[in-house]
């Protein structure tokens, strides 16, 4: 690999195959960069029409490369002037300068309107969103440590007056050993002299990610520890503003989400044809895992663990969608795990016989009802309330609810 190297204080300017790099150590580009397109195809993490993220190995360490390739003429012109990778690179350096934990940025590159950003893998770390749903929200000691550490991270980034336009749990990583948070997508982050009220609230809305697993007191403790509320009364007001904002956004997105659920195009459920030609929809949990194995539907022990409800296609479709609508609002309810379409007249929804929510939450009935009202449920749902075997309040009947 031929390279032209020019050294600056922290990063070296390197030209390789007409790509202009600013990188902490040019050796990171060995041996993968000469054949990076082939490496990307083999080690793709995620991609869309204008962006791809792939994994590379160099010197015994793992790195992630984000490749930006804008398609529209306007985007190409803008990228030629202000490459997206450079903007993200500079934002990450600014975060590091102010002591905000974030990914280790190793360099960025440009070639015409295309650009790349390379970061080092955070060792022994997991995505914070996935960890919350799969681990932290299900075990009391982990939940407390997770929320305490999150509160400290939130206090630090908010008090430093950084504004992140896409601040959510999926953009955070969590160290499994020290339970410390790090920001992994710094694109668009700006250091402000002062955050406006609208910017503060947009950042605070990240706590809405926990709305299905924390109660009012836990929400208040996050806000107080992060120094975003002066007392529990003020924290409660902020919390319900967040819940309302989350509900309003969900309603705006529902038409799109509904089509994704029916088509199985997102991570919410899997839609396929069974070997017998039946239409199958299998629900996924919040961390993306199937909530029931489709093979168990044929198991001899099926009736011991599950309940089958036979409906017309229209009836099954309505209940299936109401259930997902409630799930997106994070309202606990008795949810169907699978939808089997035999024909138009005969459909089956599969429910667990025993309702176990599998998350820790000491929510009162009053808090649950307030969350339901914040989500736009106007009907009297008191007769539909039940308590799961693990002590969670849930809706036992969702018919005609939304």
Protein backbone atom coordinates (compact mmCIF):
# COMPACT_ATOMS: atom_id res chain seq x y z
CA UNK A 1 0.00 0.00 0.00
CA UNK A 2 1.56 3.29 -1.14
CA UNK A 3 1.00 6.27 1.13
CA UNK A 4 2.11 9.88 1.32
CA UNK A 5 2.46 10.85 4.99
CA UNK A 6 2.42 14.33 6.56
CA UNK A 7 2.49 14.56 10.36
CA UNK A 8 0.54 17.03 12.52
CA UNK A 9 0.45 17.24 16.33
CA UNK A 10 -2.02 14.39 16.99
CA UNK A 11 -3.06 13.03 13.60
CA UNK A 12 -1.06 12.24 10.50
CA UNK A 13 -2.18 13.25 7.02
CA UNK A 14 -1.93 10.21 4.75
CA UNK A 15 -2.94 9.78 1.11
CA UNK A 16 -3.74 6.18 0.16
CA UNK A 17 -5.32 5.21 -3.17
CA UNK A 18 -6.51 8.82 -3.58
CA UNK A 19 -8.16 8.77 -0.15
CA UNK A 20 -6.95 11.62 2.05
CA UNK A 21 -6.72 10.42 5.64
CA UNK A 22 -6.22 12.25 8.92
CA UNK A 23 -5.37 9.36 11.23
CA UNK A 24 -3.74 8.75 14.60
CA UNK A 25 -1.59 5.90 13.26
CA UNK A 26 -1.37 4.95 9.54
CA UNK A 27 -0.63 1.34 10.56
CA UNK A 28 -4.34 1.03 11.41
CA UNK A 29 -5.00 0.92 7.64
CA UNK A 30 -2.99 -2.30 7.32
CA UNK A 31 -3.86 -4.79 5.95
CA UNK A 32 -7.51 -4.14 5.10
CA UNK A 33 -7.63 -0.79 3.31
CA UNK A 34 -6.24 -1.90 -0.06
CA UNK A 35 -9.29 -4.17 -0.44
CA UNK A 36 -11.74 -2.27 1.79
CA UNK A 37 -14.79 -2.84 -0.42
CA UNK A 38 -14.36 -6.60 -0.24
CA UNK A 39 -13.75 -6.39 3.53
CA UNK A 40 -16.90 -4.28 3.90
CA UNK A 41 -19.02 -6.86 2.07
CA UNK A 42 -17.74 -9.64 4.33
CA UNK A 43 -17.91 -7.75 7.63
CA UNK A 44 -20.96 -5.52 7.21
CA UNK A 45 -22.61 -4.48 10.48
CA UNK A 46 -25.42 -2.37 9.01
CA UNK A 47 -26.06 -0.39 5.86
CA UNK A 48 -28.56 1.68 3.92
CA UNK A 49 -28.52 3.52 0.61
CA UNK A 50 -26.15 6.28 1.78
CA UNK A 51 -24.24 4.79 4.68
CA UNK A 52 -22.51 1.58 5.71
CA UNK A 53 -20.76 0.42 8.87
CA UNK A 54 -18.34 -2.49 8.73
CA UNK A 55 -15.77 -4.10 11.01
CA UNK A 56 -12.02 -4.43 10.35
CA UNK A 57 -9.07 -5.97 12.19
CA UNK A 58 -5.63 -4.38 12.47
CA UNK A 59 -2.74 -5.13 14.81
CA UNK A 60 -4.85 -7.48 16.90
CA UNK A 61 -7.47 -4.80 17.56
CA UNK A 62 -10.99 -4.34 16.20
CA UNK A 63 -12.16 -1.15 14.52
CA UNK A 64 -15.40 0.06 12.97
CA UNK A 65 -15.50 2.02 9.73
CA UNK A 66 -18.44 4.24 8.82
CA UNK A 67 -18.57 4.88 5.07
CA UNK A 68 -20.70 7.80 3.83
CA UNK A 69 -21.67 7.92 0.17
CA UNK A 70 -24.37 10.55 -0.50
CA UNK A 71 -26.53 10.02 -3.58
CA UNK A 72 -28.37 13.26 -4.32
CA UNK A 73 -26.57 16.08 -6.12
CA UNK A 74 -27.18 18.51 -3.26
CA UNK A 75 -25.87 16.02 -0.69
CA UNK A 76 -22.79 15.31 -2.80
CA UNK A 77 -22.00 19.00 -3.14
CA UNK A 78 -22.48 19.53 0.60
CA UNK A 79 -20.32 16.49 1.41
CA UNK A 80 -17.56 17.74 -0.90
CA UNK A 81 -17.46 20.98 1.09
CA UNK A 82 -18.22 19.66 4.59
CA UNK A 83 -17.74 15.88 4.75
CA UNK A 84 -20.05 14.19 7.25
CA UNK A 85 -17.18 12.09 8.58
CA UNK A 86 -15.14 15.19 9.33
CA UNK A 87 -18.02 16.78 11.24
CA UNK A 88 -18.42 13.64 13.34
CA UNK A 89 -14.65 13.47 13.87
CA UNK A 90 -14.50 17.05 15.15
CA UNK A 91 -17.53 16.54 17.41
CA UNK A 92 -15.87 13.48 18.98
CA UNK A 93 -12.66 15.41 19.64
CA UNK A 94 -14.65 18.19 21.32
CA UNK A 95 -16.45 15.68 23.55
CA UNK A 96 -13.12 14.15 24.57
CA UNK A 97 -11.68 17.59 25.28
CA UNK A 98 -14.50 18.25 27.76
CA UNK A 99 -14.30 14.86 29.46
CA UNK A 100 -17.48 13.33 28.00
CA UNK A 101 -16.96 9.57 27.56
CA UNK A 102 -17.25 8.63 23.89
CA UNK A 103 -15.82 6.26 21.32
CA UNK A 104 -12.13 6.49 20.47
CA UNK A 105 -11.92 8.24 17.12
CA UNK A 106 -8.87 7.09 15.17
CA UNK A 107 -9.28 9.15 12.00
CA UNK A 108 -11.33 10.18 9.02
CA UNK A 109 -10.83 10.27 5.25
CA UNK A 110 -12.31 11.80 2.11
CA UNK A 111 -12.29 11.05 -1.59
CA UNK A 112 -14.41 13.43 -3.62
CA UNK A 113 -17.89 13.47 -2.07
CA UNK A 114 -17.35 10.19 -0.18
CA UNK A 115 -15.90 9.98 3.33
CA UNK A 116 -14.97 7.49 6.05
CA UNK A 117 -14.64 7.55 9.82
CA UNK A 118 -12.74 4.90 11.77
CA UNK A 119 -13.19 4.20 15.48
CA UNK A 120 -11.72 1.66 17.85
CA UNK A 121 -14.03 -0.92 19.39
CA UNK A 122 -14.98 -0.30 23.01
CA UNK A 123 -13.79 -3.52 24.63
CA UNK A 124 -16.12 -5.52 26.86
CA UNK A 125 -18.98 -3.14 26.11
CA UNK A 126 -22.57 -3.65 24.98
CA UNK A 127 -25.22 -1.48 23.42
CA UNK A 128 -26.99 0.28 26.29
CA UNK A 129 -30.47 -0.16 24.83
CA UNK A 130 -30.06 -3.89 24.29
CA UNK A 131 -28.57 -4.35 27.77
CA UNK A 132 -31.41 -2.42 29.39
CA UNK A 133 -34.10 -4.61 27.87
CA UNK A 134 -32.30 -7.94 28.09
CA UNK A 135 -30.55 -7.62 31.46
CA UNK A 136 -30.75 -4.43 33.53
CA UNK A 137 -34.53 -4.05 33.62
CA UNK A 138 -34.98 -7.66 34.77
CA UNK A 139 -32.61 -7.74 37.79
CA UNK A 140 -32.91 -5.33 40.72
CA UNK A 141 -29.19 -4.90 41.43
CA UNK A 142 -28.34 -4.32 37.76
CA UNK A 143 -31.25 -1.91 37.32
CA UNK A 144 -30.09 0.29 40.20
CA UNK A 145 -26.48 0.38 38.99
CA UNK A 146 -27.55 1.05 35.41
CA UNK A 147 -29.84 3.96 36.32
CA UNK A 148 -27.31 5.48 38.77
CA UNK A 149 -24.56 5.40 36.15
CA UNK A 150 -26.92 6.73 33.49
CA UNK A 151 -27.93 9.63 35.76
CA UNK A 152 -24.26 10.57 36.20
CA UNK A 153 -23.62 10.40 32.44
CA UNK A 154 -26.71 12.53 31.79
CA UNK A 155 -25.59 15.09 34.39
CA UNK A 156 -22.14 15.32 32.84
CA UNK A 157 -23.23 15.81 29.23
CA UNK A 158 -26.05 18.22 30.11
CA UNK A 159 -23.94 20.36 32.45
CA UNK A 160 -21.28 20.61 29.73
CA UNK A 161 -23.87 22.23 27.41
CA UNK A 162 -23.50 19.71 24.60
CA UNK A 163 -26.53 19.33 22.36
CA UNK A 164 -27.04 16.01 20.57
CA UNK A 165 -29.86 16.09 17.99
CA UNK A 166 -30.31 12.29 18.10
CA UNK A 167 -29.75 11.47 21.76
CA UNK A 168 -31.16 8.01 22.55
CA UNK A 169 -30.12 4.79 24.30
CA UNK A 170 -29.20 3.10 21.03
CA UNK A 171 -26.40 5.65 20.60
CA UNK A 172 -24.81 4.72 23.93
CA UNK A 173 -22.50 1.87 24.86
CA UNK A 174 -22.14 0.44 28.36
CA UNK A 175 -18.99 -1.04 29.89
CA UNK A 176 -19.94 -4.41 31.40
CA UNK A 177 -17.20 -4.20 34.06
CA UNK A 178 -17.55 -0.62 35.26
CA UNK A 179 -21.16 0.11 34.12
CA UNK A 180 -19.97 3.38 32.53
CA UNK A 181 -21.69 4.94 29.52
CA UNK A 182 -20.02 6.18 26.34
CA UNK A 183 -21.48 8.01 23.37
CA UNK A 184 -20.92 6.13 20.11
CA UNK A 185 -22.55 8.38 17.52
CA UNK A 186 -21.35 11.96 18.00
CA UNK A 187 -22.58 13.20 14.60
CA UNK A 188 -24.32 16.56 14.96
CA UNK A 189 -23.14 17.15 18.53
CA UNK A 190 -22.51 20.83 19.25
CA UNK A 191 -21.03 22.65 22.21
CA UNK A 192 -23.32 25.52 23.17
CA UNK A 193 -22.72 28.45 25.48
CA UNK A 194 -26.19 27.70 26.84
CA UNK A 195 -28.85 25.16 25.92
CA UNK A 196 -32.29 26.53 25.10
CA UNK A 197 -35.30 25.13 26.95
CA UNK A 198 -36.31 23.23 23.79
CA UNK A 199 -32.83 21.70 23.47
CA UNK A 200 -32.78 20.71 27.15
CA UNK A 201 -36.15 18.99 26.83
CA UNK A 202 -35.14 17.21 23.62
CA UNK A 203 -32.11 15.77 25.42
CA UNK A 204 -34.07 14.90 28.58
CA UNK A 205 -36.50 12.88 26.50
CA UNK A 206 -33.95 10.07 26.50
CA UNK A 207 -35.42 8.98 29.85
CA UNK A 208 -38.62 8.14 27.94
CA UNK A 209 -36.72 5.04 26.80
CA UNK A 210 -37.29 3.61 30.29
CA UNK A 211 -41.00 4.44 30.50
CA UNK A 212 -42.16 0.82 30.45
CA UNK A 213 -39.80 -0.30 33.21
CA UNK A 214 -39.48 2.54 35.75
CA UNK A 215 -41.97 4.15 38.06
CA UNK A 216 -42.48 7.84 38.90
CA UNK A 217 -40.05 7.77 41.81
CA UNK A 218 -37.26 6.20 39.73
CA UNK A 219 -37.83 8.77 36.98
CA UNK A 220 -37.64 11.53 39.59
CA UNK A 221 -34.41 10.12 41.01
CA UNK A 222 -32.79 10.16 37.56
CA UNK A 223 -33.73 13.81 37.06
CA UNK A 224 -32.63 14.84 40.55
CA UNK A 225 -29.29 13.00 40.35
CA UNK A 226 -28.67 14.55 36.93
CA UNK A 227 -29.49 17.95 38.49
CA UNK A 228 -32.26 18.57 35.99
CA UNK A 229 -35.00 19.13 38.59
CA UNK A 230 -34.94 20.89 41.96
CA UNK A 231 -37.32 18.50 43.74
CA UNK A 232 -39.62 15.52 43.14
CA UNK A 233 -42.57 17.74 42.33
CA UNK A 234 -40.64 19.45 39.52
CA UNK A 235 -39.26 16.09 38.39
CA UNK A 236 -42.76 14.62 38.22
CA UNK A 237 -43.91 17.47 36.00
CA UNK A 238 -40.94 16.96 33.65
CA UNK A 239 -41.52 13.18 33.60
CA UNK A 240 -45.13 13.51 32.49
CA UNK A 241 -44.15 16.08 29.87
CA UNK A 242 -41.71 13.46 28.55
CA UNK A 243 -44.39 10.76 28.57
CA UNK A 244 -46.76 13.01 26.64
CA UNK A 245 -44.07 13.90 24.10
CA UNK A 246 -43.23 10.22 23.60
CA UNK A 247 -46.91 9.39 23.11
CA UNK A 248 -47.39 12.23 20.61
CA UNK A 249 -44.38 11.07 18.59
CA UNK A 250 -45.62 7.48 18.64
CA UNK A 251 -48.96 8.56 17.21
CA UNK A 252 -47.18 10.41 14.40
CA UNK A 253 -45.16 7.27 13.61
CA UNK A 254 -47.97 4.75 14.01
CA UNK A 255 -49.06 4.61 10.34
CA UNK A 256 -45.49 3.71 9.34
CA UNK A 257 -44.99 1.31 12.25
CA UNK A 258 -48.28 -0.46 11.47
CA UNK A 259 -47.15 -1.24 7.91
CA UNK A 260 -43.77 -2.45 9.21
CA UNK A 261 -45.50 -4.79 11.67
CA UNK A 262 -47.80 -6.25 9.03
CA UNK A 263 -44.96 -6.73 6.54
CA UNK A 264 -42.33 -7.83 9.07
CA UNK A 265 -39.92 -5.25 7.65
CA UNK A 266 -38.50 -4.03 10.95
CA UNK A 267 -37.28 -5.78 14.10
CA UNK A 268 -40.75 -5.87 15.69
CA UNK A 269 -41.80 -9.25 14.32
CA UNK A 270 -40.93 -11.87 11.72
CA UNK A 271 -43.41 -12.65 8.94
CA UNK A 272 -43.04 -15.80 6.82
CA UNK A 273 -44.81 -18.82 5.29
CA UNK A 274 -44.78 -22.08 7.24
CA UNK A 275 -43.98 -25.41 5.64
CA UNK A 276 -47.73 -25.99 5.48
CA UNK A 277 -48.27 -22.75 3.59
CA UNK A 278 -49.75 -20.88 6.55
CA UNK A 279 -48.93 -17.22 7.09
CA UNK A 280 -46.92 -16.82 10.29
CA UNK A 281 -46.09 -13.69 12.31
CA UNK A 282 -43.80 -14.20 15.32
CA UNK A 283 -43.43 -11.34 17.78
CA UNK A 284 -40.00 -10.12 18.91
CA UNK A 285 -39.12 -8.79 22.34
CA UNK A 286 -37.83 -5.23 22.85
CA UNK A 287 -34.25 -6.48 22.45
CA UNK A 288 -35.10 -8.14 19.12
CA UNK A 289 -35.42 -11.80 20.14
CA UNK A 290 -38.33 -14.02 19.11
CA UNK A 291 -40.81 -14.34 21.98
CA UNK A 292 -41.87 -17.80 20.87
CA UNK A 293 -40.18 -20.48 18.75
CA UNK A 294 -42.37 -21.22 15.75
CA UNK A 295 -41.47 -24.91 16.13
CA UNK A 296 -43.18 -25.00 19.52
CA UNK A 297 -46.51 -24.45 17.80
CA UNK A 298 -46.31 -28.09 16.71
CA UNK A 299 -45.00 -29.32 20.08
CA UNK A 300 -47.06 -31.81 22.08
CA UNK A 301 -46.62 -29.64 25.20
CA UNK A 302 -47.93 -26.55 23.46
CA UNK A 303 -51.31 -26.52 25.25
CA UNK A 304 -49.65 -26.62 28.68
CA UNK A 305 -47.91 -23.28 28.14
CA UNK A 306 -49.97 -21.45 25.53
CA UNK A 307 -53.54 -20.56 24.71
CA UNK A 308 -54.93 -20.48 21.17
CA UNK A 309 -57.72 -18.06 20.26
CA UNK A 310 -59.48 -18.68 16.94
CA UNK A 311 -60.65 -15.56 15.08
CA UNK A 312 -61.40 -14.28 11.61
CA UNK A 313 -58.53 -12.60 9.80
CA UNK A 314 -60.03 -9.14 10.40
CA UNK A 315 -60.43 -9.79 14.13
CA UNK A 316 -56.92 -11.22 14.48
CA UNK A 317 -55.41 -8.34 12.53
CA UNK A 318 -57.16 -5.77 14.72
CA UNK A 319 -56.00 -7.33 18.00
CA UNK A 320 -52.46 -7.90 16.67
CA UNK A 321 -52.16 -4.21 15.73
CA UNK A 322 -53.75 -2.91 18.95
CA UNK A 323 -51.22 -4.99 20.87
CA UNK A 324 -48.26 -3.51 18.98
CA UNK A 325 -49.75 -0.03 19.30
CA UNK A 326 -49.80 -0.52 23.08
CA UNK A 327 -46.31 -1.99 23.06
CA UNK A 328 -44.94 1.06 21.27
CA UNK A 329 -46.54 3.14 24.02
CA UNK A 330 -44.92 0.70 26.49
CA UNK A 331 -48.25 -0.18 28.09
CA UNK A 332 -48.08 -3.67 29.60
CA UNK A 333 -50.87 -5.99 28.49
CA UNK A 334 -51.63 -9.62 27.71
CA UNK A 335 -50.01 -9.77 24.30
CA UNK A 336 -50.31 -12.31 21.50
CA UNK A 337 -46.94 -13.86 20.69
CA UNK A 338 -47.85 -15.30 17.30
CA UNK A 339 -50.45 -14.88 14.57
CA UNK A 340 -51.19 -17.88 12.35
CA UNK A 341 -53.20 -17.26 9.19
CA UNK A 342 -54.83 -20.48 8.06
CA UNK A 343 -57.35 -18.84 5.74
CA UNK A 344 -59.53 -15.72 5.73
CA UNK A 345 -62.12 -17.29 8.05
CA UNK A 346 -59.73 -19.08 10.39
CA UNK A 347 -56.83 -17.35 12.12
CA UNK A 348 -55.15 -18.13 15.43
CA UNK A 349 -53.59 -15.78 17.97
CA UNK A 350 -51.25 -17.50 20.42
CA UNK A 351 -51.04 -16.17 23.99
CA UNK A 352 -49.05 -17.34 27.01
CA UNK A 353 -51.28 -19.07 29.55
CA UNK A 354 -49.46 -17.35 32.39
CA UNK A 355 -48.68 -13.65 32.10
CA UNK A 356 -45.13 -12.87 33.23
CA UNK A 357 -43.83 -9.40 32.30
CA UNK A 358 -40.24 -10.25 33.33
CA UNK A 359 -39.20 -6.72 34.32
CA UNK A 360 -38.88 -5.13 37.73
CA UNK A 361 -41.30 -2.29 38.33
CA UNK A 362 -43.06 -1.16 41.49
CA UNK A 363 -45.63 0.91 39.63
CA UNK A 364 -48.86 1.77 41.42
CA UNK A 365 -52.27 1.44 39.81
CA UNK A 366 -52.52 5.24 39.79
CA UNK A 367 -49.21 5.59 37.96
CA UNK A 368 -50.24 2.96 35.42
CA UNK A 369 -53.53 4.75 34.76
CA UNK A 370 -51.74 8.09 34.36
CA UNK A 371 -49.35 6.53 31.83
CA UNK A 372 -52.30 5.11 29.91
CA UNK A 373 -53.94 8.55 29.80
CA UNK A 374 -50.66 10.11 28.66
CA UNK A 375 -50.65 7.53 25.83
CA UNK A 376 -54.09 8.70 24.72
CA UNK A 377 -56.29 5.96 26.22
CA UNK A 378 -59.54 7.71 27.16
CA UNK A 379 -61.73 4.74 28.16
CA UNK A 380 -62.26 3.54 31.71
CA UNK A 381 -59.81 0.66 31.87
CA UNK A 382 -60.14 -0.10 35.59
CA UNK A 383 -62.17 -3.31 34.98
CA UNK A 384 -59.45 -4.54 32.60
CA UNK A 385 -56.56 -4.28 35.08
CA UNK A 386 -54.85 -7.42 36.35
CA UNK A 387 -51.63 -8.34 38.11
CA UNK A 388 -49.06 -10.65 36.56
CA UNK A 389 -47.38 -13.49 38.45
CA UNK A 390 -44.29 -11.28 38.87
CA UNK A 391 -46.30 -8.42 40.31
CA UNK A 392 -46.74 -6.13 37.30
CA UNK A 393 -50.00 -4.35 36.52
CA UNK A 394 -51.25 -5.06 33.01
CA UNK A 395 -54.29 -4.84 30.76
CA UNK A 396 -56.02 -8.20 30.52
CA UNK A 397 -58.36 -7.16 27.69
CA UNK A 398 -57.36 -4.82 24.86
CA UNK A 399 -60.37 -5.12 22.58
CA UNK A 400 -61.74 -1.80 21.25
CA UNK A 401 -59.13 0.05 23.29
CA UNK A 402 -57.60 2.36 20.67
